[in-house]
Amino acid sequence: MKLISVSGINGSGKTTLIRKLVHLLHVQGKRSAVIVNEDGAVDYDPEFVREQNLWVTYLRGG
């Protein structure tokens, strides 16, 4: 298993990078999971999660 950690300030392109990586891995027939460590009121892009058949785990207050 490989692990990639993405962090940065708001607007730095984290979600865009994650979307591209997940899509690339999906095209290659590889599975992905996303762990979201955020206290935001809105969950991580539910439409994208459905489209990519992702497993998402939320760590609130981590």
PDB file of N, CA and C in Angstrom:
ATOM      1  N   MET A   1       0.841  -1.159   0.000  1.00  0.00           N
ATOM      2  CA  MET A   1       0.000   0.000   0.000  1.00  0.00           C
ATOM      3  C   MET A   1       0.897   1.237   0.000  1.00  0.00           C
ATOM      4  N   LYS A   2       0.514   2.201  -0.820  1.00  0.00           N
ATOM      5  CA  LYS A   2       1.212   3.480  -0.848  1.00  0.00           C
ATOM      6  C   LYS A   2       0.313   4.536  -0.244  1.00  0.00           C
ATOM      7  N   LEU A   3       0.938   5.502   0.411  1.00  0.00           N
ATOM      8  CA  LEU A   3       0.203   6.571   1.062  1.00  0.00           C
ATOM      9  C   LEU A   3       0.719   7.902   0.538  1.00  0.00           C
ATOM     10  N   ILE A   4      -0.213   8.768   0.170  1.00  0.00           N
ATOM     11  CA  ILE A   4       0.130  10.113  -0.283  1.00  0.00           C
ATOM     12  C   ILE A   4      -0.583  11.094   0.630  1.00  0.00           C
ATOM     13  N   SER A   5       0.155  12.031   1.187  1.00  0.00           N
ATOM     14  CA  SER A   5      -0.420  13.054   2.054  1.00  0.00           C
ATOM     15  C   SER A   5      -0.427  14.379   1.306  1.00  0.00           C
ATOM     16  N   VAL A   6      -1.562  15.071   1.356  1.00  0.00           N
ATOM     17  CA  VAL A   6      -1.689  16.357   0.676  1.00  0.00           C
ATOM     18  C   VAL A   6      -2.118  17.390   1.707  1.00  0.00           C
ATOM     19  N   SER A   7      -1.395  18.488   1.795  1.00  0.00           N
ATOM     20  CA  SER A   7      -1.780  19.557   2.713  1.00  0.00           C
ATOM     21  C   SER A   7      -1.451  20.896   2.072  1.00  0.00           C
ATOM     22  N   GLY A   8      -2.057  21.937   2.592  1.00  0.00           N
ATOM     23  CA  GLY A   8      -1.795  23.274   2.074  1.00  0.00           C
ATOM     24  C   GLY A   8      -2.887  24.229   2.495  1.00  0.00           C
ATOM     25  N   ILE A   9      -2.697  25.484   2.179  1.00  0.00           N
ATOM     26  CA  ILE A   9      -3.658  26.513   2.542  1.00  0.00           C
ATOM     27  C   ILE A   9      -4.852  26.481   1.590  1.00  0.00           C
ATOM     28  N   ASN A  10      -5.940  27.151   1.991  1.00  0.00           N
ATOM     29  CA  ASN A  10      -7.134  27.234   1.153  1.00  0.00           C
ATOM     30  C   ASN A  10      -6.787  27.800  -0.216  1.00  0.00           C
ATOM     31  N   GLY A  11      -7.300  27.160  -1.255  1.00  0.00           N
ATOM     32  CA  GLY A  11      -7.091  27.642  -2.609  1.00  0.00           C
ATOM     33  C   GLY A  11      -5.775  27.229  -3.244  1.00  0.00           C
ATOM     34  N   SER A  12      -5.021  26.357  -2.586  1.00  0.00           N
ATOM     35  CA  SER A  12      -3.709  25.987  -3.129  1.00  0.00           C
ATOM     36  C   SER A  12      -3.770  24.848  -4.144  1.00  0.00           C
ATOM     37  N   GLY A  13      -4.957  24.235  -4.329  1.00  0.00           N
ATOM     38  CA  GLY A  13      -5.086  23.185  -5.344  1.00  0.00           C
ATOM     39  C   GLY A  13      -5.096  21.768  -4.802  1.00  0.00           C
ATOM     40  N   LYS A  14      -5.291  21.602  -3.511  1.00  0.00           N
ATOM     41  CA  LYS A  14      -5.284  20.263  -2.895  1.00  0.00           C
ATOM     42  C   LYS A  14      -6.368  19.361  -3.496  1.00  0.00           C
ATOM     43  N   THR A  15      -7.582  19.869  -3.547  1.00  0.00           N
ATOM     44  CA  THR A  15      -8.691  19.062  -4.061  1.00  0.00           C
ATOM     45  C   THR A  15      -8.483  18.738  -5.531  1.00  0.00           C
ATOM     46  N   THR A  16      -8.002  19.685  -6.304  1.00  0.00           N
ATOM     47  CA  THR A  16      -7.724  19.444  -7.723  1.00  0.00           C
ATOM     48  C   THR A  16      -6.691  18.337  -7.888  1.00  0.00           C
ATOM     49  N   LEU A  17      -5.626  18.384  -7.110  1.00  0.00           N
ATOM     50  CA  LEU A  17      -4.592  17.351  -7.169  1.00  0.00           C
ATOM     51  C   LEU A  17      -5.165  15.991  -6.787  1.00  0.00           C
ATOM     52  N   ILE A  18      -5.935  15.941  -5.708  1.00  0.00           N
ATOM     53  CA  ILE A  18      -6.517  14.677  -5.256  1.00  0.00           C
ATOM     54  C   ILE A  18      -7.446  14.113  -6.324  1.00  0.00           C
ATOM     55  N   ARG A  19      -8.278  14.972  -6.915  1.00  0.00           N
ATOM     56  CA  ARG A  19      -9.189  14.522  -7.979  1.00  0.00           C
ATOM     57  C   ARG A  19      -8.412  13.905  -9.141  1.00  0.00           C
ATOM     58  N   LYS A  20      -7.340  14.569  -9.564  1.00  0.00           N
ATOM     59  CA  LYS A  20      -6.548  14.070 -10.695  1.00  0.00           C
ATOM     60  C   LYS A  20      -5.863  12.747 -10.353  1.00  0.00           C
ATOM     61  N   LEU A  21      -5.298  12.641  -9.157  1.00  0.00           N
ATOM     62  CA  LEU A  21      -4.638  11.402  -8.752  1.00  0.00           C
ATOM     63  C   LEU A  21      -5.622  10.238  -8.673  1.00  0.00           C
ATOM     64  N   VAL A  22      -6.778  10.484  -8.055  1.00  0.00           N
ATOM     65  CA  VAL A  22      -7.782   9.427  -7.921  1.00  0.00           C
ATOM     66  C   VAL A  22      -8.267   8.979  -9.290  1.00  0.00           C
ATOM     67  N   HIS A  23      -8.523   9.935 -10.176  1.00  0.00           N
ATOM     68  CA  HIS A  23      -8.978   9.590 -11.521  1.00  0.00           C
ATOM     69  C   HIS A  23      -7.912   8.777 -12.258  1.00  0.00           C
ATOM     70  N   LEU A  24      -6.667   9.210 -12.193  1.00  0.00           N
ATOM     71  CA  LEU A  24      -5.572   8.492 -12.855  1.00  0.00           C
ATOM     72  C   LEU A  24      -5.458   7.067 -12.334  1.00  0.00           C
ATOM     73  N   LEU A  25      -5.523   6.899 -11.028  1.00  0.00           N
ATOM     74  CA  LEU A  25      -5.452   5.557 -10.441  1.00  0.00           C
ATOM     75  C   LEU A  25      -6.655   4.714 -10.860  1.00  0.00           C
ATOM     76  N   HIS A  26      -7.837   5.320 -10.916  1.00  0.00           N
ATOM     77  CA  HIS A  26      -9.050   4.604 -11.335  1.00  0.00           C
ATOM     78  C   HIS A  26      -8.915   4.104 -12.771  1.00  0.00           C
ATOM     79  N   VAL A  27      -8.413   4.957 -13.651  1.00  0.00           N
ATOM     80  CA  VAL A  27      -8.210   4.582 -15.056  1.00  0.00           C
ATOM     81  C   VAL A  27      -7.236   3.413 -15.162  1.00  0.00           C
ATOM     82  N   GLN A  28      -6.274   3.359 -14.259  1.00  0.00           N
ATOM     83  CA  GLN A  28      -5.284   2.280 -14.258  1.00  0.00           C
ATOM     84  C   GLN A  28      -5.782   1.033 -13.538  1.00  0.00           C
ATOM     85  N   GLY A  29      -7.040   1.069 -13.079  1.00  0.00           N
ATOM     86  CA  GLY A  29      -7.624  -0.092 -12.406  1.00  0.00           C
ATOM     87  C   GLY A  29      -7.196  -0.240 -10.957  1.00  0.00           C
ATOM     88  N   LYS A  30      -6.690   0.830 -10.375  1.00  0.00           N
ATOM     89  CA  LYS A  30      -6.227   0.780  -8.983  1.00  0.00           C
ATOM     90  C   LYS A  30      -7.268   1.419  -8.073  1.00  0.00           C
ATOM     91  N   ARG A  31      -7.338   0.946  -6.841  1.00  0.00           N
ATOM     92  CA  ARG A  31      -8.303   1.465  -5.873  1.00  0.00           C
ATOM     93  C   ARG A  31      -7.697   2.603  -5.061  1.00  0.00           C
ATOM     94  N   SER A  32      -8.557   3.483  -4.578  1.00  0.00           N
ATOM     95  CA  SER A  32      -8.123   4.626  -3.780  1.00  0.00           C
ATOM     96  C   SER A  32      -9.033   4.799  -2.579  1.00  0.00           C
ATOM     97  N   ALA A  33      -8.513   5.464  -1.586  1.00  0.00           N
ATOM     98  CA  ALA A  33      -9.296   5.879  -0.428  1.00  0.00           C
ATOM     99  C   ALA A  33      -8.824   7.273  -0.059  1.00  0.00           C
ATOM    100  N   VAL A  34      -9.719   8.059   0.546  1.00  0.00           N
ATOM    101  CA  VAL A  34      -9.376   9.417   0.952  1.00  0.00           C
ATOM    102  C   VAL A  34      -9.703   9.570   2.425  1.00  0.00           C
ATOM    103  N   ILE A  35      -8.732  10.040   3.194  1.00  0.00           N
ATOM    104  CA  ILE A  35      -8.950  10.365   4.604  1.00  0.00           C
ATOM    105  C   ILE A  35      -8.962  11.883   4.693  1.00  0.00           C
ATOM    106  N   VAL A  36     -10.059  12.439   5.168  1.00  0.00           N
ATOM    107  CA  VAL A  36     -10.216  13.886   5.240  1.00  0.00           C
ATOM    108  C   VAL A  36     -10.103  14.324   6.701  1.00  0.00           C
ATOM    109  N   ASN A  37      -9.123  15.165   6.988  1.00  0.00           N
ATOM    110  CA  ASN A  37      -8.946  15.705   8.331  1.00  0.00           C
ATOM    111  C   ASN A  37      -9.319  17.181   8.287  1.00  0.00           C
ATOM    112  N   GLU A  38     -10.605  17.445   8.465  1.00  0.00           N
ATOM    113  CA  GLU A  38     -11.094  18.811   8.335  1.00  0.00           C
ATOM    114  C   GLU A  38     -12.299  19.006   9.240  1.00  0.00           C
ATOM    115  N   ASP A  39     -12.445  20.192   9.747  1.00  0.00           N
ATOM    116  CA  ASP A  39     -13.584  20.513  10.608  1.00  0.00           C
ATOM    117  C   ASP A  39     -14.667  21.290   9.877  1.00  0.00           C
ATOM    118  N   GLY A  40     -14.591  21.353   8.551  1.00  0.00           N
ATOM    119  CA  GLY A  40     -15.556  22.129   7.786  1.00  0.00           C
ATOM    120  C   GLY A  40     -16.978  21.598   7.915  1.00  0.00           C
ATOM    121  N   ALA A  41     -17.925  22.461   7.648  1.00  0.00           N
ATOM    122  CA  ALA A  41     -19.341  22.096   7.757  1.00  0.00           C
ATOM    123  C   ALA A  41     -19.796  21.229   6.591  1.00  0.00           C
ATOM    124  N   VAL A  42     -19.096  21.298   5.462  1.00  0.00           N
ATOM    125  CA  VAL A  42     -19.485  20.565   4.264  1.00  0.00           C
ATOM    126  C   VAL A  42     -18.569  19.366   4.079  1.00  0.00           C
ATOM    127  N   ASP A  43     -19.163  18.193   3.811  1.00  0.00           N
ATOM    128  CA  ASP A  43     -18.362  16.995   3.572  1.00  0.00           C
ATOM    129  C   ASP A  43     -17.595  17.105   2.266  1.00  0.00           C
ATOM    130  N   TYR A  44     -16.616  16.243   2.103  1.00  0.00           N
ATOM    131  CA  TYR A  44     -15.740  16.242   0.945  1.00  0.00           C
ATOM    132  C   TYR A  44     -16.516  15.878  -0.312  1.00  0.00           C
ATOM    133  N   ASP A  45     -16.702  16.814  -1.202  1.00  0.00           N
ATOM    134  CA  ASP A  45     -17.307  16.687  -2.526  1.00  0.00           C
ATOM    135  C   ASP A  45     -18.061  15.371  -2.769  1.00  0.00           C
ATOM    136  N   PRO A  46     -19.289  15.246  -2.275  1.00  0.00           N
ATOM    137  CA  PRO A  46     -20.042  13.981  -2.362  1.00  0.00           C
ATOM    138  C   PRO A  46     -20.220  13.470  -3.790  1.00  0.00           C
ATOM    139  N   GLU A  47     -20.373  14.381  -4.759  1.00  0.00           N
ATOM    140  CA  GLU A  47     -20.535  13.952  -6.155  1.00  0.00           C
ATOM    141  C   GLU A  47     -19.273  13.248  -6.650  1.00  0.00           C
ATOM    142  N   PHE A  48     -18.115  13.811  -6.345  1.00  0.00           N
ATOM    143  CA  PHE A  48     -16.845  13.200  -6.748  1.00  0.00           C
ATOM    144  C   PHE A  48     -16.661  11.841  -6.082  1.00  0.00           C
ATOM    145  N   VAL A  49     -17.020  11.748  -4.804  1.00  0.00           N
ATOM    146  CA  VAL A  49     -16.906  10.490  -4.076  1.00  0.00           C
ATOM    147  C   VAL A  49     -17.751   9.407  -4.766  1.00  0.00           C
ATOM    148  N   ARG A  50     -18.970   9.760  -5.144  1.00  0.00           N
ATOM    149  CA  ARG A  50     -19.848   8.800  -5.846  1.00  0.00           C
ATOM    150  C   ARG A  50     -19.279   8.424  -7.207  1.00  0.00           C
ATOM    151  N   GLU A  51     -18.865   9.421  -7.983  1.00  0.00           N
ATOM    152  CA  GLU A  51     -18.348   9.167  -9.331  1.00  0.00           C
ATOM    153  C   GLU A  51     -17.157   8.211  -9.321  1.00  0.00           C
ATOM    154  N   GLN A  52     -16.280   8.372  -8.351  1.00  0.00           N
ATOM    155  CA  GLN A  52     -15.054   7.571  -8.297  1.00  0.00           C
ATOM    156  C   GLN A  52     -15.192   6.333  -7.409  1.00  0.00           C
ATOM    157  N   ASN A  53     -16.372   6.141  -6.834  1.00  0.00           N
ATOM    158  CA  ASN A  53     -16.614   4.997  -5.948  1.00  0.00           C
ATOM    159  C   ASN A  53     -15.552   4.940  -4.848  1.00  0.00           C
ATOM    160  N   LEU A  54     -15.338   6.100  -4.201  1.00  0.00           N
ATOM    161  CA  LEU A  54     -14.295   6.220  -3.183  1.00  0.00           C
ATOM    162  C   LEU A  54     -14.788   5.804  -1.807  1.00  0.00           C
ATOM    163  N   TRP A  55     -13.862   5.366  -1.011  1.00  0.00           N
ATOM    164  CA  TRP A  55     -14.076   5.137   0.405  1.00  0.00           C
ATOM    165  C   TRP A  55     -13.496   6.358   1.101  1.00  0.00           C
ATOM    166  N   VAL A  56     -14.325   7.125   1.795  1.00  0.00           N
ATOM    167  CA  VAL A  56     -13.865   8.340   2.466  1.00  0.00           C
ATOM    168  C   VAL A  56     -14.083   8.200   3.969  1.00  0.00           C
ATOM    169  N   THR A  57     -13.054   8.510   4.736  1.00  0.00           N
ATOM    170  CA  THR A  57     -13.145   8.510   6.193  1.00  0.00           C
ATOM    171  C   THR A  57     -12.870   9.928   6.671  1.00  0.00           C
ATOM    172  N   TYR A  58     -13.704  10.416   7.569  1.00  0.00           N
ATOM    173  CA  TYR A  58     -13.546  11.765   8.108  1.00  0.00           C
ATOM    174  C   TYR A  58     -12.961  11.695   9.521  1.00  0.00           C
ATOM    175  N   LEU A  59     -11.902  12.455   9.761  1.00  0.00           N
ATOM    176  CA  LEU A  59     -11.319  12.581  11.091  1.00  0.00           C
ATOM    177  C   LEU A  59     -11.647  13.983  11.566  1.00  0.00           C
ATOM    178  N   ARG A  60     -12.666  14.107  12.358  1.00  0.00           N
ATOM    179  CA  ARG A  60     -13.092  15.423  12.840  1.00  0.00           C
ATOM    180  C   ARG A  60     -12.256  15.828  14.054  1.00  0.00           C
ATOM    181  N   GLY A  61     -11.735  17.028  14.028  1.00  0.00           N
ATOM    182  CA  GLY A  61     -10.980  17.547  15.155  1.00  0.00           C
ATOM    183  C   GLY A  61      -9.613  16.909  15.321  1.00  0.00           C
ATOM    184  N   GLY A  62      -9.120  16.253  14.256  1.00  0.00           N
ATOM    185  CA  GLY A  62      -7.830  15.574  14.326  1.00  0.00           C
ATOM    186  C   GLY A  62      -6.721  16.498  14.112  1.00  0.00           C
TER     187      GLY A  62
END
